């Protein structure tokens, strides 16, 4: 039976003695890497779209709500909000001890300190 890359990376982490909560997202996992790539593309779209809309939009904000640009902006806001929440669950590499930190409390504390 073939294991997915995420299952392989979790089993590798378990073999290294790490206890991983089901909610923890590994930073080297394929799903997180795909999400990160989508987020980078969305940031590039935002960098191009926002100045254009700021300069040429007749109505400020997201009005009219069903226009294609407003729908795209709302989708991008949703994606960036998901990224913000997801960062509370992404494990990180501790540079001092060269370990992967998978404790949710430590992950959240580090994210809040860096924000």
Protein backbone atom coordinates (compact mmCIF):
# COMPACT_ATOMS: atom_id res chain seq x y z
CA UNK A 1 0.00 0.00 0.00
CA UNK A 2 1.36 3.41 -1.00
CA UNK A 3 1.50 6.12 1.64
CA UNK A 4 0.94 9.77 0.81
CA UNK A 5 3.83 12.19 1.23
CA UNK A 6 2.12 13.76 4.22
CA UNK A 7 1.70 10.37 5.89
CA UNK A 8 5.36 9.59 5.14
CA UNK A 9 6.55 12.85 6.67
CA UNK A 10 4.37 12.29 9.76
CA UNK A 11 5.63 8.72 10.14
CA UNK A 12 9.22 9.98 9.70
CA UNK A 13 8.63 12.58 12.43
CA UNK A 14 7.15 9.91 14.68
CA UNK A 15 10.17 7.68 14.10
CA UNK A 16 12.38 10.59 15.18
CA UNK A 17 10.53 10.64 18.50
CA UNK A 18 8.17 13.54 17.88
CA UNK A 19 4.61 13.40 19.12
CA UNK A 20 2.46 15.12 16.53
CA UNK A 21 -1.05 16.30 17.24
CA UNK A 22 -3.57 15.69 14.45
CA UNK A 23 -4.08 19.46 14.13
CA UNK A 24 -0.41 20.24 13.52
CA UNK A 25 0.52 21.03 9.92
CA UNK A 26 4.04 20.08 8.90
CA UNK A 27 5.84 22.88 7.04
CA UNK A 28 7.40 20.40 4.60
CA UNK A 29 4.12 18.65 3.79
CA UNK A 30 2.90 18.69 0.18
CA UNK A 31 -0.53 20.12 1.01
CA UNK A 32 0.99 23.05 2.90
CA UNK A 33 3.48 23.69 0.08
CA UNK A 34 0.61 23.83 -2.44
CA UNK A 35 -1.35 26.18 -0.18
CA UNK A 36 1.74 28.36 0.20
CA UNK A 37 2.20 28.53 -3.59
CA UNK A 38 -1.45 29.56 -4.02
CA UNK A 39 -0.98 32.23 -1.35
CA UNK A 40 2.09 33.63 -3.13
CA UNK A 41 0.18 33.81 -6.43
CA UNK A 42 -2.71 35.53 -4.63
CA UNK A 43 -0.31 38.08 -3.15
CA UNK A 44 1.04 38.82 -6.63
CA UNK A 45 -2.50 39.23 -7.98
CA UNK A 46 -3.29 41.60 -5.11
CA UNK A 47 -0.11 43.61 -5.75
CA UNK A 48 -1.19 44.18 -9.36
CA UNK A 49 -4.94 44.54 -8.83
CA UNK A 50 -5.16 46.88 -5.82
CA UNK A 51 -3.35 49.92 -7.28
CA UNK A 52 -5.40 49.59 -10.47
CA UNK A 53 -8.68 49.42 -8.55
CA UNK A 54 -7.66 52.25 -6.25
CA UNK A 55 -6.93 54.49 -9.23
CA UNK A 56 -9.85 53.64 -11.51
CA UNK A 57 -12.76 52.34 -9.41
CA UNK A 58 -15.76 54.66 -9.36
CA UNK A 59 -17.12 53.48 -6.00
CA UNK A 60 -14.89 53.02 -2.96
CA UNK A 61 -14.68 49.66 -1.21
CA UNK A 62 -16.28 46.49 -2.50
CA UNK A 63 -19.34 48.16 -3.98
CA UNK A 64 -20.99 46.87 -6.21
CA UNK A 65 -20.70 43.57 -4.37
CA UNK A 66 -21.30 41.23 -7.29
CA UNK A 67 -18.84 42.82 -9.70
CA UNK A 68 -16.02 40.47 -10.77
CA UNK A 69 -13.38 42.58 -9.06
CA UNK A 70 -15.32 42.61 -5.77
CA UNK A 71 -15.84 38.85 -5.89
CA UNK A 72 -12.12 38.35 -6.57
CA UNK A 73 -11.20 40.69 -3.71
CA UNK A 74 -13.48 38.83 -1.32
CA UNK A 75 -11.99 35.49 -2.40
CA UNK A 76 -8.48 36.84 -1.82
CA UNK A 77 -9.48 38.19 1.60
CA UNK A 78 -10.87 34.77 2.50
CA UNK A 79 -7.64 33.08 1.37
CA UNK A 80 -5.48 35.47 3.39
CA UNK A 81 -7.74 34.97 6.43
CA UNK A 82 -7.35 31.21 6.11
CA UNK A 83 -3.58 31.69 5.91
CA UNK A 84 -3.63 33.75 9.09
CA UNK A 85 -5.56 31.03 10.97
CA UNK A 86 -3.47 28.22 9.47
CA UNK A 87 -0.27 29.79 10.80
CA UNK A 88 -1.46 28.96 14.33
CA UNK A 89 -1.13 25.25 13.42
CA UNK A 90 2.08 25.11 11.32
CA UNK A 91 5.03 23.48 13.06
CA UNK A 92 8.37 25.30 12.92
CA UNK A 93 12.05 24.47 13.10
CA UNK A 94 13.75 25.66 16.29
CA UNK A 95 17.05 27.17 15.19
CA UNK A 96 18.67 26.83 18.63
CA UNK A 97 18.14 23.07 19.01
CA UNK A 98 17.61 22.09 15.34
CA UNK A 99 14.29 20.45 16.22
CA UNK A 100 10.84 20.53 14.68
CA UNK A 101 8.48 22.07 17.25
CA UNK A 102 5.03 20.46 17.06
CA UNK A 103 3.53 21.60 20.36
CA UNK A 104 0.46 23.72 19.55
CA UNK A 105 0.95 26.01 22.56
CA UNK A 106 4.56 26.74 21.54
CA UNK A 107 3.53 27.27 17.90
CA UNK A 108 0.83 29.76 18.86
CA UNK A 109 3.06 31.58 21.33
CA UNK A 110 5.79 31.97 18.70
CA UNK A 111 3.32 33.17 16.08
CA UNK A 112 1.82 35.76 18.45
CA UNK A 113 5.27 37.01 19.48
CA UNK A 114 6.36 37.44 15.86
CA UNK A 115 3.16 39.21 14.79
